[in-house]
Amino acid sequence: MSTTFPSESNSESGKNNKKTASEVGHARNVANLHKLIQQVSVYLLYNPPVPELSVDSLQTLYNTATTKLSEVEEKRNANKNAITLRQTAFENLKTTCTRIVNRLEILGLPQGTVDQAKSLKRSIQGAKKKSAPASEAAAEAPKTISTSRQSFTQQAENFGILLQLLTTISAYDPQEDELKLANLNTYKDSLVSATQAVDQAEAELNLKMMERNKILYTEGSGLYSIAQNVKKYVKSLYGATSPEYITVSGIIFTRTK
């Protein structure tokens, strides 16, 4: 029986700190394995013919699964922290772009140069170009230009293009430190670095979730399959109507779809 697992990350999923149903389900399965171990360990007749169902093997499986859950949470927190740091890094980007364009508009530059800078600013800010006046509408198609390229990577890329444009404008020589080209390039590098850090953190989180899912749900050898086989063995040992089997059958394990 195959099972499909959600990626959970989210990668911009870090926006919501609440536990998802799948996260809770994984933790509950591991907790219930511990409960199952405690129960079968007091059954005097419990002596399974296959080693993976022994109490010692079950305890090893529980320890491994617990470790994998902890590793996932560690990487999930690292991913959330990276997302927060990226958000902080990008906080002033839109305002900075507006200040740059405002500066360019007073330098007496060719309109095409200013328009190019404005277009890049709109791409970064997710704004739309205003519709042309009614008298010009017939000559312009389309009336609006969608510029909702809002991913962080694309914002950083467009900011880099804007800075390249500034290098061609000799009149751009602001006195404000934060608007000087060298400092703007340093800022752009920090945006790229913050975005790459999120990508790295997400990749590490995805790897740990795959490792966890393998331990919990691999057909035949995962926690879910092992738990079902423990129940089957207890059923064969004591009978379907025995209190021993009824007790362990009530310990629920689920596959997270």
C-alpha atoms as a PDB file:
ATOM      1  CA  MET A   1       0.000   0.000   0.000  1.00  0.00           C
ATOM      2  CA  SER A   2       1.622   3.238  -1.103  1.00  0.00           C
ATOM      3  CA  THR A   3       1.287   6.478   0.785  1.00  0.00           C
ATOM      4  CA  THR A   4       1.818  10.033  -0.396  1.00  0.00           C
ATOM      5  CA  PHE A   5       3.162  12.468   2.139  1.00  0.00           C
ATOM      6  CA  PRO A   6       2.758  16.244   2.158  1.00  0.00           C
ATOM      7  CA  SER A   7       5.932  18.323   1.928  1.00  0.00           C
ATOM      8  CA  GLU A   8       4.742  20.365   4.954  1.00  0.00           C
ATOM      9  CA  SER A   9       7.414  22.949   4.324  1.00  0.00           C
ATOM     10  CA  ASN A  10       6.812  25.552   3.042  1.00  0.00           C
ATOM     11  CA  SER A  11       7.899  26.271   2.411  1.00  0.00           C
ATOM     12  CA  GLU A  12       6.385  29.296   3.150  1.00  0.00           C
ATOM     13  CA  SER A  13       4.410  27.193   5.615  1.00  0.00           C
ATOM     14  CA  GLY A  14       6.548  28.845   8.256  1.00  0.00           C
ATOM     15  CA  LYS A  15       4.058  31.709   8.173  1.00  0.00           C
ATOM     16  CA  ASN A  16       1.784  29.638  10.406  1.00  0.00           C
ATOM     17  CA  ASN A  17       3.237  28.359  13.659  1.00  0.00           C
ATOM     18  CA  LYS A  18       0.279  26.124  14.443  1.00  0.00           C
ATOM     19  CA  LYS A  19       0.839  22.395  14.221  1.00  0.00           C
ATOM     20  CA  THR A  20      -0.649  20.856  11.095  1.00  0.00           C
ATOM     21  CA  ALA A  21      -2.791  17.733  11.287  1.00  0.00           C
ATOM     22  CA  SER A  22      -0.015  15.728   9.636  1.00  0.00           C
ATOM     23  CA  GLU A  23       2.604  16.889  12.164  1.00  0.00           C
ATOM     24  CA  VAL A  24       0.329  15.955  15.050  1.00  0.00           C
ATOM     25  CA  GLY A  25      -0.361  12.589  13.396  1.00  0.00           C
ATOM     26  CA  HIS A  26       3.332  11.731  13.111  1.00  0.00           C
ATOM     27  CA  ALA A  27       3.965  12.587  16.763  1.00  0.00           C
ATOM     28  CA  ARG A  28       0.884  10.669  17.892  1.00  0.00           C
ATOM     29  CA  ASN A  29       2.028   7.551  16.024  1.00  0.00           C
ATOM     30  CA  VAL A  30       5.386   7.659  17.792  1.00  0.00           C
ATOM     31  CA  ALA A  31       3.770   8.277  21.180  1.00  0.00           C
ATOM     32  CA  ASN A  32       1.359   5.405  20.589  1.00  0.00           C
ATOM     33  CA  LEU A  33       4.232   3.092  19.710  1.00  0.00           C
ATOM     34  CA  HIS A  34       5.625   3.745  23.174  1.00  0.00           C
ATOM     35  CA  LYS A  35       2.220   2.951  24.632  1.00  0.00           C
ATOM     36  CA  LEU A  36       2.080  -0.271  22.610  1.00  0.00           C
ATOM     37  CA  ILE A  37       5.542  -1.287  23.816  1.00  0.00           C
ATOM     38  CA  GLN A  38       4.568  -0.753  27.440  1.00  0.00           C
ATOM     39  CA  GLN A  39       1.470  -2.858  26.961  1.00  0.00           C
ATOM     40  CA  VAL A  40       2.990  -5.879  25.206  1.00  0.00           C
ATOM     41  CA  SER A  41       5.978  -5.891  27.548  1.00  0.00           C
ATOM     42  CA  VAL A  42       3.684  -6.995  30.383  1.00  0.00           C
ATOM     43  CA  TYR A  43       2.134  -9.842  28.387  1.00  0.00           C
ATOM     44  CA  LEU A  44       3.814 -12.989  29.696  1.00  0.00           C
ATOM     45  CA  LEU A  45       3.209 -14.914  26.492  1.00  0.00           C
ATOM     46  CA  TYR A  46       4.583 -12.189  24.215  1.00  0.00           C
ATOM     47  CA  ASN A  47       7.535 -13.805  22.447  1.00  0.00           C
ATOM     48  CA  PRO A  48       7.225 -13.029  18.702  1.00  0.00           C
ATOM     49  CA  PRO A  49       8.841 -15.387  16.170  1.00  0.00           C
ATOM     50  CA  VAL A  50      10.245 -12.469  14.154  1.00  0.00           C
ATOM     51  CA  PRO A  51      12.964 -10.277  15.710  1.00  0.00           C
ATOM     52  CA  GLU A  52      11.539  -6.926  14.530  1.00  0.00           C
ATOM     53  CA  LEU A  53       8.504  -7.437  16.776  1.00  0.00           C
ATOM     54  CA  SER A  54      10.520  -8.081  19.945  1.00  0.00           C
ATOM     55  CA  VAL A  55      10.272  -5.543  22.726  1.00  0.00           C
ATOM     56  CA  ASP A  56      13.934  -4.610  22.309  1.00  0.00           C
ATOM     57  CA  SER A  57      13.487  -4.010  18.576  1.00  0.00           C
ATOM     58  CA  LEU A  58      10.341  -2.002  19.184  1.00  0.00           C
ATOM     59  CA  GLN A  59      12.189   0.138  21.703  1.00  0.00           C
ATOM     60  CA  THR A  60      14.989   0.760  19.200  1.00  0.00           C
ATOM     61  CA  LEU A  61      12.412   1.740  16.588  1.00  0.00           C
ATOM     62  CA  TYR A  62      10.774   4.105  19.047  1.00  0.00           C
ATOM     63  CA  ASN A  63      14.111   5.739  19.895  1.00  0.00           C
ATOM     64  CA  THR A  64      14.943   6.198  16.216  1.00  0.00           C
ATOM     65  CA  ALA A  65      11.506   7.626  15.408  1.00  0.00           C
ATOM     66  CA  THR A  66      11.737  10.036  18.346  1.00  0.00           C
ATOM     67  CA  THR A  67      15.106  11.240  17.137  1.00  0.00           C
ATOM     68  CA  LYS A  68      13.730  11.804  13.630  1.00  0.00           C
ATOM     69  CA  LEU A  69      10.816  13.825  14.977  1.00  0.00           C
ATOM     70  CA  SER A  70      13.256  16.008  16.918  1.00  0.00           C
ATOM     71  CA  GLU A  71      15.447  16.488  13.860  1.00  0.00           C
ATOM     72  CA  VAL A  72      12.449  17.566  11.786  1.00  0.00           C
ATOM     73  CA  GLU A  73      11.419  20.121  14.405  1.00  0.00           C
ATOM     74  CA  GLU A  74      14.973  21.432  14.646  1.00  0.00           C
ATOM     75  CA  LYS A  75      15.109  21.973  10.879  1.00  0.00           C
ATOM     76  CA  ARG A  76      11.579  23.379  10.836  1.00  0.00           C
ATOM     77  CA  ASN A  77      12.578  25.998  13.392  1.00  0.00           C
ATOM     78  CA  ALA A  78      15.730  26.785  11.417  1.00  0.00           C
ATOM     79  CA  ASN A  79      13.576  27.244   8.317  1.00  0.00           C
ATOM     80  CA  LYS A  80      11.203  29.576  10.142  1.00  0.00           C
ATOM     81  CA  ASN A  81      14.137  31.593  11.476  1.00  0.00           C
ATOM     82  CA  ALA A  82      15.608  31.901   7.973  1.00  0.00           C
ATOM     83  CA  ILE A  83      12.242  33.087   6.642  1.00  0.00           C
ATOM     84  CA  THR A  84      12.022  35.692   9.412  1.00  0.00           C
ATOM     85  CA  LEU A  85      15.531  36.946   8.667  1.00  0.00           C
ATOM     86  CA  ARG A  86      14.718  37.158   4.969  1.00  0.00           C
ATOM     87  CA  GLN A  87      11.585  39.132   5.725  1.00  0.00           C
ATOM     88  CA  THR A  88      13.643  41.550   7.801  1.00  0.00           C
ATOM     89  CA  ALA A  89      16.234  41.897   5.045  1.00  0.00           C
ATOM     90  CA  PHE A  90      13.571  42.775   2.465  1.00  0.00           C
ATOM     91  CA  GLU A  91      11.696  45.163   4.743  1.00  0.00           C
ATOM     92  CA  ASN A  92      13.192  48.341   3.300  1.00  0.00           C
ATOM     93  CA  LEU A  93      13.540  47.227  -0.326  1.00  0.00           C
ATOM     94  CA  LYS A  94      10.372  48.826  -1.677  1.00  0.00           C
ATOM     95  CA  THR A  95      11.011  52.101   0.119  1.00  0.00           C
ATOM     96  CA  THR A  96      14.592  52.132  -1.108  1.00  0.00           C
ATOM     97  CA  CYS A  97      13.456  51.627  -4.708  1.00  0.00           C
ATOM     98  CA  THR A  98      10.998  54.498  -4.393  1.00  0.00           C
ATOM     99  CA  ARG A  99      13.754  56.778  -3.084  1.00  0.00           C
ATOM    100  CA  ILE A 100      16.026  55.797  -5.968  1.00  0.00           C
ATOM    101  CA  VAL A 101      13.389  56.529  -8.591  1.00  0.00           C
ATOM    102  CA  ASN A 102      12.466  59.814  -6.939  1.00  0.00           C
ATOM    103  CA  ARG A 103      16.123  60.791  -7.138  1.00  0.00           C
ATOM    104  CA  LEU A 104      16.327  59.862 -10.823  1.00  0.00           C
ATOM    105  CA  GLU A 105      13.244  61.920 -11.668  1.00  0.00           C
ATOM    106  CA  ILE A 106      14.959  65.192 -10.687  1.00  0.00           C
ATOM    107  CA  LEU A 107      18.206  64.600 -12.608  1.00  0.00           C
ATOM    108  CA  GLY A 108      16.919  65.618 -16.028  1.00  0.00           C
ATOM    109  CA  LEU A 109      17.470  62.162 -17.488  1.00  0.00           C
ATOM    110  CA  PRO A 110      15.956  60.890 -20.738  1.00  0.00           C
ATOM    111  CA  GLN A 111      12.375  59.766 -20.116  1.00  0.00           C
ATOM    112  CA  GLY A 112      13.208  56.271 -21.339  1.00  0.00           C
ATOM    113  CA  THR A 113      15.784  55.854 -18.579  1.00  0.00           C
ATOM    114  CA  VAL A 114      13.350  57.023 -15.919  1.00  0.00           C
ATOM    115  CA  ASP A 115      10.616  54.778 -17.327  1.00  0.00           C
ATOM    116  CA  GLN A 116      12.959  51.793 -17.180  1.00  0.00           C
ATOM    117  CA  ALA A 117      13.711  52.501 -13.530  1.00  0.00           C
ATOM    118  CA  LYS A 118      10.013  52.913 -12.774  1.00  0.00           C
ATOM    119  CA  SER A 119       9.227  49.618 -14.492  1.00  0.00           C
ATOM    120  CA  LEU A 120      11.784  47.805 -12.332  1.00  0.00           C
ATOM    121  CA  LYS A 121      10.382  49.502  -9.234  1.00  0.00           C
ATOM    122  CA  ARG A 122       6.873  48.311 -10.120  1.00  0.00           C
ATOM    123  CA  SER A 123       8.152  44.759 -10.632  1.00  0.00           C
ATOM    124  CA  ILE A 124       9.742  44.812  -7.196  1.00  0.00           C
ATOM    125  CA  GLN A 125       6.758  46.419  -5.474  1.00  0.00           C
ATOM    126  CA  GLY A 126       4.113  44.351  -7.249  1.00  0.00           C
ATOM    127  CA  ALA A 127       2.338  47.462  -8.513  1.00  0.00           C
ATOM    128  CA  LYS A 128       0.617  47.879 -11.829  1.00  0.00           C
ATOM    129  CA  LYS A 129       1.215  50.486 -14.456  1.00  0.00           C
ATOM    130  CA  LYS A 130      -1.671  52.944 -14.540  1.00  0.00           C
ATOM    131  CA  SER A 131      -4.096  52.703 -17.426  1.00  0.00           C
ATOM    132  CA  ALA A 132      -3.608  55.235 -20.170  1.00  0.00           C
ATOM    133  CA  PRO A 133      -6.097  58.126 -20.397  1.00  0.00           C
ATOM    134  CA  ALA A 134      -9.241  57.346 -22.370  1.00  0.00           C
ATOM    135  CA  SER A 135      -8.025  59.380 -25.335  1.00  0.00           C
ATOM    136  CA  GLU A 136      -4.912  57.198 -25.553  1.00  0.00           C
ATOM    137  CA  ALA A 137      -6.530  53.880 -24.744  1.00  0.00           C
ATOM    138  CA  ALA A 138      -7.243  52.954 -28.343  1.00  0.00           C
ATOM    139  CA  ALA A 139      -3.592  53.327 -29.250  1.00  0.00           C
ATOM    140  CA  GLU A 140      -2.262  51.306 -26.327  1.00  0.00           C
ATOM    141  CA  ALA A 141      -2.782  47.591 -25.844  1.00  0.00           C
ATOM    142  CA  PRO A 142      -2.921  46.203 -23.286  1.00  0.00           C
ATOM    143  CA  LYS A 143      -4.119  49.060 -21.059  1.00  0.00           C
ATOM    144  CA  THR A 144      -2.331  47.716 -17.981  1.00  0.00           C
ATOM    145  CA  ILE A 145       0.865  45.785 -17.470  1.00  0.00           C
ATOM    146  CA  SER A 146       0.800  43.090 -14.831  1.00  0.00           C
ATOM    147  CA  THR A 147       3.961  43.164 -12.753  1.00  0.00           C
ATOM    148  CA  SER A 148       3.126  40.775  -9.928  1.00  0.00           C
ATOM    149  CA  ARG A 149       6.508  39.041 -10.007  1.00  0.00           C
ATOM    150  CA  GLN A 150       6.719  39.031  -6.249  1.00  0.00           C
ATOM    151  CA  SER A 151       8.962  36.136  -5.291  1.00  0.00           C
ATOM    152  CA  PHE A 152      11.910  37.147  -3.166  1.00  0.00           C
ATOM    153  CA  THR A 153      14.356  35.812  -5.734  1.00  0.00           C
ATOM    154  CA  GLN A 154      12.757  37.863  -8.487  1.00  0.00           C
ATOM    155  CA  GLN A 155      12.681  40.965  -6.313  1.00  0.00           C
ATOM    156  CA  ALA A 156      16.409  40.638  -5.647  1.00  0.00           C
ATOM    157  CA  GLU A 157      17.089  40.014  -9.343  1.00  0.00           C
ATOM    158  CA  ASN A 158      15.124  43.099 -10.407  1.00  0.00           C
ATOM    159  CA  PHE A 159      16.851  45.178  -7.747  1.00  0.00           C
ATOM    160  CA  GLY A 160      20.182  44.039  -9.164  1.00  0.00           C
ATOM    161  CA  ILE A 161      19.070  45.145 -12.641  1.00  0.00           C
ATOM    162  CA  LEU A 162      18.059  48.515 -11.225  1.00  0.00           C
ATOM    163  CA  LEU A 163      21.519  48.903  -9.706  1.00  0.00           C
ATOM    164  CA  GLN A 164      23.102  47.996 -13.040  1.00  0.00           C
ATOM    165  CA  LEU A 165      21.058  50.805 -14.573  1.00  0.00           C
ATOM    166  CA  LEU A 166      22.375  53.202 -11.950  1.00  0.00           C
ATOM    167  CA  THR A 167      25.963  52.408 -12.951  1.00  0.00           C
ATOM    168  CA  THR A 168      25.201  53.887 -16.383  1.00  0.00           C
ATOM    169  CA  ILE A 169      23.939  57.171 -14.918  1.00  0.00           C
ATOM    170  CA  SER A 170      26.876  59.423 -14.074  1.00  0.00           C
ATOM    171  CA  ALA A 171      24.534  62.020 -12.564  1.00  0.00           C
ATOM    172  CA  TYR A 172      23.440  59.545  -9.884  1.00  0.00           C
ATOM    173  CA  ASP A 173      25.667  60.591  -6.979  1.00  0.00           C
ATOM    174  CA  PRO A 174      23.583  60.788  -3.787  1.00  0.00           C
ATOM    175  CA  GLN A 175      24.987  62.099  -0.539  1.00  0.00           C
ATOM    176  CA  GLU A 176      22.894  59.733   1.609  1.00  0.00           C
ATOM    177  CA  ASP A 177      25.001  56.726   2.561  1.00  0.00           C
ATOM    178  CA  GLU A 178      22.136  54.259   2.173  1.00  0.00           C
ATOM    179  CA  LEU A 179      21.558  55.366  -1.426  1.00  0.00           C
ATOM    180  CA  LYS A 180      25.172  55.254  -2.533  1.00  0.00           C
ATOM    181  CA  LEU A 181      25.768  52.615  -5.176  1.00  0.00           C
ATOM    182  CA  ALA A 182      28.389  50.684  -3.220  1.00  0.00           C
ATOM    183  CA  ASN A 183      26.077  50.383  -0.210  1.00  0.00           C
ATOM    184  CA  LEU A 184      23.134  49.467  -2.422  1.00  0.00           C
ATOM    185  CA  ASN A 185      25.159  46.625  -3.911  1.00  0.00           C
ATOM    186  CA  THR A 186      26.024  45.427  -0.421  1.00  0.00           C
ATOM    187  CA  TYR A 187      22.319  45.531   0.426  1.00  0.00           C
ATOM    188  CA  LYS A 188      21.468  43.573  -2.728  1.00  0.00           C
ATOM    189  CA  ASP A 189      24.024  40.913  -1.777  1.00  0.00           C
ATOM    190  CA  SER A 190      22.365  40.611   1.636  1.00  0.00           C
ATOM    191  CA  LEU A 191      18.998  40.034  -0.050  1.00  0.00           C
ATOM    192  CA  VAL A 192      20.439  37.269  -2.217  1.00  0.00           C
ATOM    193  CA  SER A 193      22.147  35.704   0.794  1.00  0.00           C
ATOM    194  CA  ALA A 194      18.955  35.793   2.880  1.00  0.00           C
ATOM    195  CA  THR A 195      16.993  34.132   0.084  1.00  0.00           C
ATOM    196  CA  GLN A 196      19.611  31.433  -0.405  1.00  0.00           C
ATOM    197  CA  ALA A 197      19.586  30.745   3.330  1.00  0.00           C
ATOM    198  CA  VAL A 198      15.849  30.032   3.161  1.00  0.00           C
ATOM    199  CA  ASP A 199      16.374  27.696   0.199  1.00  0.00           C
ATOM    200  CA  GLN A 200      19.083  25.826   2.110  1.00  0.00           C
ATOM    201  CA  ALA A 201      17.019  25.585   5.283  1.00  0.00           C
ATOM    202  CA  GLU A 202      14.036  24.305   3.313  1.00  0.00           C
ATOM    203  CA  ALA A 203      16.151  21.663   1.559  1.00  0.00           C
ATOM    204  CA  GLU A 204      17.486  20.431   4.905  1.00  0.00           C
ATOM    205  CA  LEU A 205      13.959  20.331   6.339  1.00  0.00           C
ATOM    206  CA  ASN A 206      12.681  18.346   3.355  1.00  0.00           C
ATOM    207  CA  LEU A 207      15.491  15.825   3.780  1.00  0.00           C
ATOM    208  CA  LYS A 208      14.690  15.282   7.447  1.00  0.00           C
ATOM    209  CA  MET A 209      10.986  14.851   6.679  1.00  0.00           C
ATOM    210  CA  MET A 210      11.837  12.202   4.099  1.00  0.00           C
ATOM    211  CA  GLU A 211      14.007  10.408   6.638  1.00  0.00           C
ATOM    212  CA  ARG A 212      11.195  10.572   9.207  1.00  0.00           C
ATOM    213  CA  ASN A 213       8.617   9.290   6.724  1.00  0.00           C
ATOM    214  CA  LYS A 214      10.884   6.375   5.825  1.00  0.00           C
ATOM    215  CA  ILE A 215      11.155   5.336   9.474  1.00  0.00           C
ATOM    216  CA  LEU A 216       7.443   5.755  10.107  1.00  0.00           C
ATOM    217  CA  TYR A 217       5.785   4.543   6.924  1.00  0.00           C
ATOM    218  CA  THR A 218       8.004   2.318   4.793  1.00  0.00           C
ATOM    219  CA  GLU A 219       5.870  -0.660   3.808  1.00  0.00           C
ATOM    220  CA  GLY A 220       6.782  -3.708   5.879  1.00  0.00           C
ATOM    221  CA  SER A 221       9.530  -2.149   8.002  1.00  0.00           C
ATOM    222  CA  GLY A 222       8.142   1.237   9.058  1.00  0.00           C
ATOM    223  CA  LEU A 223       6.580   2.036  12.408  1.00  0.00           C
ATOM    224  CA  TYR A 224       3.035   1.825  11.041  1.00  0.00           C
ATOM    225  CA  SER A 225       3.522  -1.646   9.530  1.00  0.00           C
ATOM    226  CA  ILE A 226       5.376  -2.936  12.584  1.00  0.00           C
ATOM    227  CA  ALA A 227       2.609  -1.733  14.907  1.00  0.00           C
ATOM    228  CA  GLN A 228      -0.025  -3.515  12.821  1.00  0.00           C
ATOM    229  CA  ASN A 229       2.016  -6.720  12.914  1.00  0.00           C
ATOM    230  CA  VAL A 230       2.353  -6.474  16.699  1.00  0.00           C
ATOM    231  CA  LYS A 231      -1.431  -6.301  16.942  1.00  0.00           C
ATOM    232  CA  LYS A 232      -1.798  -9.282  14.606  1.00  0.00           C
ATOM    233  CA  TYR A 233       0.631 -11.303  16.702  1.00  0.00           C
ATOM    234  CA  VAL A 234      -1.222 -10.471  19.926  1.00  0.00           C
ATOM    235  CA  LYS A 235      -4.488 -11.415  18.210  1.00  0.00           C
ATOM    236  CA  SER A 236      -3.041 -14.774  17.149  1.00  0.00           C
ATOM    237  CA  LEU A 237      -1.609 -15.278  20.621  1.00  0.00           C
ATOM    238  CA  TYR A 238      -4.628 -14.465  22.783  1.00  0.00           C
ATOM    239  CA  GLY A 239      -7.596 -14.439  20.407  1.00  0.00           C
ATOM    240  CA  ALA A 240      -9.700 -11.740  18.800  1.00  0.00           C
ATOM    241  CA  THR A 241     -12.032 -11.358  21.791  1.00  0.00           C
ATOM    242  CA  SER A 242      -9.331 -11.408  24.452  1.00  0.00           C
ATOM    243  CA  PRO A 243      -8.815  -8.357  26.664  1.00  0.00           C
ATOM    244  CA  GLU A 244      -5.140  -8.444  25.671  1.00  0.00           C
ATOM    245  CA  TYR A 245      -5.954  -7.959  21.996  1.00  0.00           C
ATOM    246  CA  ILE A 246      -8.819  -5.525  22.608  1.00  0.00           C
ATOM    247  CA  THR A 247      -6.427  -3.346  24.619  1.00  0.00           C
ATOM    248  CA  VAL A 248      -3.720  -3.157  21.944  1.00  0.00           C
ATOM    249  CA  SER A 249      -6.216  -2.851  19.086  1.00  0.00           C
ATOM    250  CA  GLY A 250      -7.459   0.344  20.698  1.00  0.00           C
ATOM    251  CA  ILE A 251      -4.041   1.963  20.314  1.00  0.00           C
ATOM    252  CA  ILE A 252      -4.492   3.867  17.051  1.00  0.00           C
ATOM    253  CA  PHE A 253      -1.893   4.312  14.314  1.00  0.00           C
ATOM    254  CA  THR A 254      -2.637   6.266  11.163  1.00  0.00           C
ATOM    255  CA  ARG A 255      -1.041   6.820   7.777  1.00  0.00           C
ATOM    256  CA  THR A 256      -0.746  10.480   6.933  1.00  0.00           C
ATOM    257  CA  LYS A 257      -2.012  10.939   3.403  1.00  0.00           C
END
